[in-house]
Amino acid sequence: MRARGIDLRFSTEVARLERAGGSLRATLLDGTTIDTDVVLIAVGRFPTTTDLGLELAGVAVDASGAIVIDQHCRSTVPHIFAIGDCAGRTRAMDLTPIAIAEAMAVVDTVFRGRPTAVDYTNVPTAVFSDPCLACVGPTEDQARALLGAVDVYRSSFLPLKNTLSGRRQRTLMKLLVDAATDRVVGAHMLGPEAAEIIQGLAIAITAGATKAQFDATIAIHPTAAEEFVTMRTRSGS
């Protein structure tokens, strides 16, 4: 991103916004200023539950206002369920597909007599930046804390289309493998179409595919995705 002229500032925040002639001036906490045409602020979300009268119904909420639920999305009042962004257990995953999965679980639990809980273990996620960043499963540190011995396979390369166009933007891929079982537990990618590729890998990881099965899969060449089935050399364990 920096090579393309994007100015990234970390460990700071905007302290003040003001008009400066025909521009907007953002003053950061360290006192530096940035003059720009447009300011986009992404500050996150909180459940808007304060005016619902939940306390009168006996429905418990946590400190953020999210409704406290059990594994079946049931609140502290047995006949009241909560799903999606207002549900406390999923605050780290405010994703539309999570809410849909929880809705289907509630339907199965309440109307079909099949108590169903959503499995949040392998939720694929993406940052739709350019280049795109996507992953499924734990980070490398999380995998080591959970499993102990983890084999890491990593590949960094210049995609063929960037070689032809002269762009120097590289792609990064990583697979995390449980050393004890050979099961692939995580996949991470930074590069074009990362979200599309990780969505496919999420199926294999959810199904419990092993590194040996990844290795036995024939690659589509030339593609970036083929790297996930041709990485043979461990970069760490």
C-alpha atoms as a PDB file:
ATOM      1  CA  MET A   1       0.000   0.000   0.000  1.00  0.00           C
ATOM      2  CA  ARG A   2       2.824   2.403   0.854  1.00  0.00           C
ATOM      3  CA  ALA A   3       4.483   1.612  -2.478  1.00  0.00           C
ATOM      4  CA  ARG A   4       1.281   2.828  -4.130  1.00  0.00           C
ATOM      5  CA  GLY A   5       1.357   6.116  -2.213  1.00  0.00           C
ATOM      6  CA  ILE A   6      -0.972   5.282   0.676  1.00  0.00           C
ATOM      7  CA  ASP A   7       0.036   7.006   3.915  1.00  0.00           C
ATOM      8  CA  LEU A   8      -0.506   4.613   6.851  1.00  0.00           C
ATOM      9  CA  ARG A   9      -0.411   5.889  10.456  1.00  0.00           C
ATOM     10  CA  PHE A  10      -0.491   3.391  13.321  1.00  0.00           C
ATOM     11  CA  SER A  11      -0.932   3.715  17.103  1.00  0.00           C
ATOM     12  CA  THR A  12      -2.684   7.057  16.835  1.00  0.00           C
ATOM     13  CA  GLU A  13      -6.140   8.517  16.328  1.00  0.00           C
ATOM     14  CA  VAL A  14      -7.800  11.719  15.182  1.00  0.00           C
ATOM     15  CA  ALA A  15      -8.077  14.202  18.056  1.00  0.00           C
ATOM     16  CA  ARG A  16      -9.811  17.012  16.154  1.00  0.00           C
ATOM     17  CA  LEU A  17     -11.424  17.804  12.785  1.00  0.00           C
ATOM     18  CA  GLU A  18     -11.866  21.334  11.484  1.00  0.00           C
ATOM     19  CA  ARG A  19     -12.347  23.297   8.293  1.00  0.00           C
ATOM     20  CA  ALA A  20      -9.159  24.710   6.775  1.00  0.00           C
ATOM     21  CA  GLY A  21     -10.069  26.783   3.747  1.00  0.00           C
ATOM     22  CA  GLY A  22     -11.529  24.374   1.194  1.00  0.00           C
ATOM     23  CA  SER A  23     -10.175  21.303   2.971  1.00  0.00           C
ATOM     24  CA  LEU A  24     -10.682  19.310   6.129  1.00  0.00           C
ATOM     25  CA  ARG A  25      -7.826  19.295   8.619  1.00  0.00           C
ATOM     26  CA  ALA A  26      -7.402  16.254  10.844  1.00  0.00           C
ATOM     27  CA  THR A  27      -5.214  16.776  13.888  1.00  0.00           C
ATOM     28  CA  LEU A  28      -3.754  13.566  15.321  1.00  0.00           C
ATOM     29  CA  LEU A  29      -2.969  12.881  18.976  1.00  0.00           C
ATOM     30  CA  ASP A  30       0.720  13.552  18.376  1.00  0.00           C
ATOM     31  CA  GLY A  31      -0.105  17.032  17.056  1.00  0.00           C
ATOM     32  CA  THR A  32       0.568  16.354  13.375  1.00  0.00           C
ATOM     33  CA  THR A  33      -2.066  17.454  10.881  1.00  0.00           C
ATOM     34  CA  ILE A  34      -3.421  16.019   7.643  1.00  0.00           C
ATOM     35  CA  ASP A  35      -5.295  18.205   5.130  1.00  0.00           C
ATOM     36  CA  THR A  36      -7.720  16.254   2.972  1.00  0.00           C
ATOM     37  CA  ASP A  37     -10.952  16.482   0.976  1.00  0.00           C
ATOM     38  CA  VAL A  38     -12.860  13.681   2.706  1.00  0.00           C
ATOM     39  CA  VAL A  39     -12.681  11.961   6.091  1.00  0.00           C
ATOM     40  CA  LEU A  40     -14.147   8.467   6.581  1.00  0.00           C
ATOM     41  CA  ILE A  41     -14.597   7.356  10.170  1.00  0.00           C
ATOM     42  CA  ALA A  42     -15.075   3.670  11.061  1.00  0.00           C
ATOM     43  CA  VAL A  43     -15.708   3.445  14.809  1.00  0.00           C
ATOM     44  CA  GLY A  44     -17.424   0.082  15.222  1.00  0.00           C
ATOM     45  CA  ARG A  45     -20.917  -0.741  16.414  1.00  0.00           C
ATOM     46  CA  PHE A  46     -22.741  -1.352  19.664  1.00  0.00           C
ATOM     47  CA  PRO A  47     -26.145  -2.998  20.245  1.00  0.00           C
ATOM     48  CA  THR A  48     -28.970  -0.454  20.365  1.00  0.00           C
ATOM     49  CA  THR A  49     -30.892  -2.243  23.100  1.00  0.00           C
ATOM     50  CA  THR A  50     -31.315   0.509  25.698  1.00  0.00           C
ATOM     51  CA  ASP A  51     -34.889   1.465  24.747  1.00  0.00           C
ATOM     52  CA  LEU A  52     -36.321  -2.027  24.276  1.00  0.00           C
ATOM     53  CA  GLY A  53     -37.395  -2.503  27.888  1.00  0.00           C
ATOM     54  CA  LEU A  54     -35.276  -5.620  28.257  1.00  0.00           C
ATOM     55  CA  GLU A  55     -34.825  -5.045  31.972  1.00  0.00           C
ATOM     56  CA  LEU A  56     -38.603  -5.104  32.455  1.00  0.00           C
ATOM     57  CA  ALA A  57     -38.784  -8.465  30.674  1.00  0.00           C
ATOM     58  CA  GLY A  58     -35.915  -9.840  32.742  1.00  0.00           C
ATOM     59  CA  VAL A  59     -33.507 -10.166  29.811  1.00  0.00           C
ATOM     60  CA  ALA A  60     -29.899  -9.768  30.939  1.00  0.00           C
ATOM     61  CA  VAL A  61     -27.402  -7.690  28.949  1.00  0.00           C
ATOM     62  CA  ASP A  62     -23.641  -7.332  29.287  1.00  0.00           C
ATOM     63  CA  ALA A  63     -21.629  -4.138  29.792  1.00  0.00           C
ATOM     64  CA  SER A  64     -21.860  -3.221  26.097  1.00  0.00           C
ATOM     65  CA  GLY A  65     -25.638  -3.666  26.002  1.00  0.00           C
ATOM     66  CA  ALA A  66     -25.459  -6.973  24.158  1.00  0.00           C
ATOM     67  CA  ILE A  67     -28.037  -9.595  25.122  1.00  0.00           C
ATOM     68  CA  VAL A  68     -26.584 -12.480  27.107  1.00  0.00           C
ATOM     69  CA  ILE A  69     -27.366 -15.792  25.356  1.00  0.00           C
ATOM     70  CA  ASP A  70     -26.529 -19.474  25.711  1.00  0.00           C
ATOM     71  CA  GLN A  71     -25.229 -21.834  23.010  1.00  0.00           C
ATOM     72  CA  HIS A  72     -28.724 -22.008  21.471  1.00  0.00           C
ATOM     73  CA  CYS A  73     -29.097 -18.194  21.291  1.00  0.00           C
ATOM     74  CA  ARG A  74     -31.596 -18.276  24.200  1.00  0.00           C
ATOM     75  CA  SER A  75     -31.564 -15.278  26.528  1.00  0.00           C
ATOM     76  CA  THR A  76     -32.013 -15.402  30.282  1.00  0.00           C
ATOM     77  CA  VAL A  77     -35.762 -15.505  29.573  1.00  0.00           C
ATOM     78  CA  PRO A  78     -36.341 -19.001  28.065  1.00  0.00           C
ATOM     79  CA  HIS A  79     -38.814 -17.938  25.362  1.00  0.00           C
ATOM     80  CA  ILE A  80     -36.746 -14.949  24.145  1.00  0.00           C
ATOM     81  CA  PHE A  81     -33.886 -15.511  21.677  1.00  0.00           C
ATOM     82  CA  ALA A  82     -31.289 -13.094  20.320  1.00  0.00           C
ATOM     83  CA  ILE A  83     -29.124 -13.406  17.205  1.00  0.00           C
ATOM     84  CA  GLY A  84     -26.658 -11.321  15.264  1.00  0.00           C
ATOM     85  CA  ASP A  85     -24.998  -8.101  16.390  1.00  0.00           C
ATOM     86  CA  CYS A  86     -27.156  -7.692  19.511  1.00  0.00           C
ATOM     87  CA  ALA A  87     -26.099 -11.095  20.890  1.00  0.00           C
ATOM     88  CA  GLY A  88     -23.282 -10.981  23.422  1.00  0.00           C
ATOM     89  CA  ARG A  89     -21.315 -14.073  22.510  1.00  0.00           C
ATOM     90  CA  THR A  90     -20.769 -12.967  18.919  1.00  0.00           C
ATOM     91  CA  ARG A  91     -19.504  -9.434  19.584  1.00  0.00           C
ATOM     92  CA  ALA A  92     -16.166 -10.350  17.987  1.00  0.00           C
ATOM     93  CA  MET A  93     -17.952 -11.529  14.839  1.00  0.00           C
ATOM     94  CA  ASP A  94     -20.511  -8.951  13.763  1.00  0.00           C
ATOM     95  CA  LEU A  95     -21.016 -10.629  10.409  1.00  0.00           C
ATOM     96  CA  THR A  96     -24.183 -11.078   8.353  1.00  0.00           C
ATOM     97  CA  PRO A  97     -23.524 -14.811   7.710  1.00  0.00           C
ATOM     98  CA  ILE A  98     -23.189 -15.331  11.483  1.00  0.00           C
ATOM     99  CA  ALA A  99     -26.641 -13.827  12.039  1.00  0.00           C
ATOM    100  CA  ILE A 100     -28.088 -16.011   9.258  1.00  0.00           C
ATOM    101  CA  ALA A 101     -26.537 -19.153  10.737  1.00  0.00           C
ATOM    102  CA  GLU A 102     -27.875 -18.250  14.180  1.00  0.00           C
ATOM    103  CA  ALA A 103     -31.337 -17.660  12.734  1.00  0.00           C
ATOM    104  CA  MET A 104     -31.343 -21.107  11.149  1.00  0.00           C
ATOM    105  CA  ALA A 105     -30.133 -22.621  14.431  1.00  0.00           C
ATOM    106  CA  VAL A 106     -33.015 -20.966  16.292  1.00  0.00           C
ATOM    107  CA  VAL A 107     -35.504 -22.290  13.715  1.00  0.00           C
ATOM    108  CA  ASP A 108     -34.139 -25.814  14.163  1.00  0.00           C
ATOM    109  CA  THR A 109     -34.161 -25.488  17.956  1.00  0.00           C
ATOM    110  CA  VAL A 110     -37.615 -23.940  18.408  1.00  0.00           C
ATOM    111  CA  PHE A 111     -39.703 -25.162  15.492  1.00  0.00           C
ATOM    112  CA  ARG A 112     -38.075 -28.418  14.373  1.00  0.00           C
ATOM    113  CA  GLY A 113     -37.246 -29.911  17.743  1.00  0.00           C
ATOM    114  CA  ARG A 114     -33.545 -30.198  16.935  1.00  0.00           C
ATOM    115  CA  PRO A 115     -31.479 -28.196  19.449  1.00  0.00           C
ATOM    116  CA  THR A 116     -28.766 -26.666  17.284  1.00  0.00           C
ATOM    117  CA  ALA A 117     -25.727 -24.569  18.180  1.00  0.00           C
ATOM    118  CA  VAL A 118     -23.638 -22.583  15.705  1.00  0.00           C
ATOM    119  CA  ASP A 119     -20.000 -23.636  15.472  1.00  0.00           C
ATOM    120  CA  TYR A 120     -17.873 -20.470  15.565  1.00  0.00           C
ATOM    121  CA  THR A 121     -14.580 -22.355  15.252  1.00  0.00           C
ATOM    122  CA  ASN A 122     -13.830 -21.810  11.555  1.00  0.00           C
ATOM    123  CA  VAL A 123     -15.508 -18.578  10.532  1.00  0.00           C
ATOM    124  CA  PRO A 124     -13.830 -17.235   7.375  1.00  0.00           C
ATOM    125  CA  THR A 125     -13.346 -13.480   7.364  1.00  0.00           C
ATOM    126  CA  ALA A 126     -11.910 -10.908   4.991  1.00  0.00           C
ATOM    127  CA  VAL A 127     -10.738  -7.317   4.881  1.00  0.00           C
ATOM    128  CA  PHE A 128     -11.802  -5.993   1.506  1.00  0.00           C
ATOM    129  CA  SER A 129      -8.818  -3.730   1.074  1.00  0.00           C
ATOM    130  CA  ASP A 130      -6.574  -3.714  -1.982  1.00  0.00           C
ATOM    131  CA  PRO A 131      -4.865  -6.130  -1.779  1.00  0.00           C
ATOM    132  CA  CYS A 132      -7.492  -8.247  -0.038  1.00  0.00           C
ATOM    133  CA  LEU A 133      -6.725  -9.976   3.267  1.00  0.00           C
ATOM    134  CA  ALA A 134      -8.641 -13.119   4.262  1.00  0.00           C
ATOM    135  CA  CYS A 135      -8.297 -15.991   6.693  1.00  0.00           C
ATOM    136  CA  VAL A 136     -10.042 -18.964   8.245  1.00  0.00           C
ATOM    137  CA  GLY A 137      -9.081 -20.613  11.515  1.00  0.00           C
ATOM    138  CA  PRO A 138      -6.690 -19.356  14.201  1.00  0.00           C
ATOM    139  CA  THR A 139      -3.674 -17.132  13.835  1.00  0.00           C
ATOM    140  CA  GLU A 140      -0.258 -18.780  14.163  1.00  0.00           C
ATOM    141  CA  ASP A 141       0.073 -17.678  17.806  1.00  0.00           C
ATOM    142  CA  GLN A 142      -3.440 -18.866  18.634  1.00  0.00           C
ATOM    143  CA  ALA A 143      -2.805 -22.228  16.973  1.00  0.00           C
ATOM    144  CA  ARG A 144       0.388 -22.753  18.983  1.00  0.00           C
ATOM    145  CA  ALA A 145      -1.382 -21.849  22.229  1.00  0.00           C
ATOM    146  CA  LEU A 146      -4.210 -24.256  21.414  1.00  0.00           C
ATOM    147  CA  LEU A 147      -2.299 -27.175  19.890  1.00  0.00           C
ATOM    148  CA  GLY A 148       1.323 -26.822  20.925  1.00  0.00           C
ATOM    149  CA  ALA A 149       3.235 -28.188  17.920  1.00  0.00           C
ATOM    150  CA  VAL A 150       2.098 -26.517  14.687  1.00  0.00           C
ATOM    151  CA  ASP A 151       3.683 -26.908  11.257  1.00  0.00           C
ATOM    152  CA  VAL A 152       3.707 -23.664   9.280  1.00  0.00           C
ATOM    153  CA  TYR A 153       3.811 -23.538   5.487  1.00  0.00           C
ATOM    154  CA  ARG A 154       4.351 -20.126   3.949  1.00  0.00           C
ATOM    155  CA  SER A 155       4.652 -18.836   0.403  1.00  0.00           C
ATOM    156  CA  SER A 156       5.335 -15.315  -0.846  1.00  0.00           C
ATOM    157  CA  PHE A 157       5.466 -14.700  -4.579  1.00  0.00           C
ATOM    158  CA  LEU A 158       4.816 -12.248  -7.385  1.00  0.00           C
ATOM    159  CA  PRO A 159       1.628 -13.304  -9.243  1.00  0.00           C
ATOM    160  CA  LEU A 160       2.066 -13.967 -12.942  1.00  0.00           C
ATOM    161  CA  LYS A 161      -0.248 -11.123 -13.985  1.00  0.00           C
ATOM    162  CA  ASN A 162       1.807  -8.688 -11.882  1.00  0.00           C
ATOM    163  CA  THR A 163       4.984  -9.969 -13.510  1.00  0.00           C
ATOM    164  CA  LEU A 164       3.525  -9.195 -16.939  1.00  0.00           C
ATOM    165  CA  SER A 165       2.123  -5.799 -15.923  1.00  0.00           C
ATOM    166  CA  GLY A 166       5.181  -4.654 -14.030  1.00  0.00           C
ATOM    167  CA  ARG A 167       3.384  -4.235 -10.689  1.00  0.00           C
ATOM    168  CA  ARG A 168       5.492  -5.284  -7.705  1.00  0.00           C
ATOM    169  CA  GLN A 169       2.598  -6.250  -5.411  1.00  0.00           C
ATOM    170  CA  ARG A 170       3.330  -9.666  -3.919  1.00  0.00           C
ATOM    171  CA  THR A 171       0.948 -12.303  -2.568  1.00  0.00           C
ATOM    172  CA  LEU A 172       1.382 -13.998   0.809  1.00  0.00           C
ATOM    173  CA  MET A 173      -0.134 -17.361   1.773  1.00  0.00           C
ATOM    174  CA  LYS A 174       0.146 -19.427   4.929  1.00  0.00           C
ATOM    175  CA  LEU A 175      -1.156 -22.806   6.054  1.00  0.00           C
ATOM    176  CA  LEU A 176      -1.204 -23.922   9.703  1.00  0.00           C
ATOM    177  CA  VAL A 177      -1.137 -27.672  10.329  1.00  0.00           C
ATOM    178  CA  ASP A 178      -1.633 -29.576  13.578  1.00  0.00           C
ATOM    179  CA  ALA A 179       1.668 -31.494  13.818  1.00  0.00           C
ATOM    180  CA  ALA A 180       0.061 -34.318  15.804  1.00  0.00           C
ATOM    181  CA  THR A 181      -2.790 -35.095  13.376  1.00  0.00           C
ATOM    182  CA  ASP A 182      -1.689 -33.492  10.048  1.00  0.00           C
ATOM    183  CA  ARG A 183      -5.034 -31.662  10.007  1.00  0.00           C
ATOM    184  CA  VAL A 184      -5.003 -28.211   8.399  1.00  0.00           C
ATOM    185  CA  VAL A 185      -6.369 -25.835  11.037  1.00  0.00           C
ATOM    186  CA  GLY A 186      -5.845 -22.433   9.434  1.00  0.00           C
ATOM    187  CA  ALA A 187      -5.296 -20.658   6.132  1.00  0.00           C
ATOM    188  CA  HIS A 188      -4.288 -17.032   5.628  1.00  0.00           C
ATOM    189  CA  MET A 189      -3.863 -15.040   2.437  1.00  0.00           C
ATOM    190  CA  LEU A 190      -2.999 -11.498   1.397  1.00  0.00           C
ATOM    191  CA  GLY A 191      -3.459 -10.867  -2.310  1.00  0.00           C
ATOM    192  CA  PRO A 192      -5.975 -10.565  -5.158  1.00  0.00           C
ATOM    193  CA  GLU A 193      -9.143 -12.698  -4.758  1.00  0.00           C
ATOM    194  CA  ALA A 194      -8.086 -13.742  -1.250  1.00  0.00           C
ATOM    195  CA  ALA A 195     -11.683 -13.785   0.004  1.00  0.00           C
ATOM    196  CA  GLU A 196     -12.855 -16.008  -2.851  1.00  0.00           C
ATOM    197  CA  ILE A 197      -9.993 -18.468  -2.335  1.00  0.00           C
ATOM    198  CA  ILE A 198     -10.292 -18.630   1.460  1.00  0.00           C
ATOM    199  CA  GLN A 199     -14.041 -19.270   1.207  1.00  0.00           C
ATOM    200  CA  GLY A 200     -13.267 -22.467  -0.714  1.00  0.00           C
ATOM    201  CA  LEU A 201     -10.546 -23.502   1.718  1.00  0.00           C
ATOM    202  CA  ALA A 202     -12.943 -22.946   4.629  1.00  0.00           C
ATOM    203  CA  ILE A 203     -14.994 -25.915   3.403  1.00  0.00           C
ATOM    204  CA  ALA A 204     -11.940 -28.194   3.446  1.00  0.00           C
ATOM    205  CA  ILE A 205     -10.805 -26.988   6.866  1.00  0.00           C
ATOM    206  CA  THR A 206     -14.297 -27.337   8.341  1.00  0.00           C
ATOM    207  CA  ALA A 207     -14.421 -30.868   6.920  1.00  0.00           C
ATOM    208  CA  GLY A 208     -11.124 -31.710   8.678  1.00  0.00           C
ATOM    209  CA  ALA A 209      -8.893 -32.049   5.625  1.00  0.00           C
ATOM    210  CA  THR A 210      -5.267 -33.017   6.249  1.00  0.00           C
ATOM    211  CA  LYS A 211      -2.112 -31.566   4.727  1.00  0.00           C
ATOM    212  CA  ALA A 212      -1.640 -34.878   2.911  1.00  0.00           C
ATOM    213  CA  GLN A 213      -5.033 -34.384   1.245  1.00  0.00           C
ATOM    214  CA  PHE A 214      -4.081 -30.830   0.277  1.00  0.00           C
ATOM    215  CA  ASP A 215      -0.856 -32.216  -1.218  1.00  0.00           C
ATOM    216  CA  ALA A 216      -2.783 -34.896  -3.135  1.00  0.00           C
ATOM    217  CA  THR A 217      -5.037 -32.281  -4.751  1.00  0.00           C
ATOM    218  CA  ILE A 218      -4.126 -31.438  -8.348  1.00  0.00           C
ATOM    219  CA  ALA A 219      -3.404 -27.753  -8.925  1.00  0.00           C
ATOM    220  CA  ILE A 220      -4.971 -25.454 -11.500  1.00  0.00           C
ATOM    221  CA  HIS A 221      -2.094 -23.783 -13.307  1.00  0.00           C
ATOM    222  CA  PRO A 222      -1.458 -20.920 -13.616  1.00  0.00           C
ATOM    223  CA  THR A 223      -3.406 -19.628 -10.590  1.00  0.00           C
ATOM    224  CA  ALA A 224      -2.506 -18.098  -7.257  1.00  0.00           C
ATOM    225  CA  ALA A 225      -4.709 -20.627  -5.435  1.00  0.00           C
ATOM    226  CA  GLU A 226      -2.530 -23.531  -6.587  1.00  0.00           C
ATOM    227  CA  GLU A 227       0.075 -22.439  -4.043  1.00  0.00           C
ATOM    228  CA  PHE A 228      -2.154 -23.804  -1.275  1.00  0.00           C
ATOM    229  CA  VAL A 229      -1.832 -27.331  -2.695  1.00  0.00           C
ATOM    230  CA  THR A 230       1.829 -27.139  -3.755  1.00  0.00           C
ATOM    231  CA  MET A 231       3.479 -25.878  -0.540  1.00  0.00           C
ATOM    232  CA  ARG A 232       5.695 -28.768   0.555  1.00  0.00           C
ATOM    233  CA  THR A 233       8.423 -27.206   2.707  1.00  0.00           C
ATOM    234  CA  ARG A 234       7.699 -26.193   6.282  1.00  0.00           C
ATOM    235  CA  SER A 235       8.781 -22.679   7.228  1.00  0.00           C
ATOM    236  CA  GLY A 236       8.342 -23.281  10.964  1.00  0.00           C
ATOM    237  CA  SER A 237       6.945 -25.669  13.544  1.00  0.00           C
END
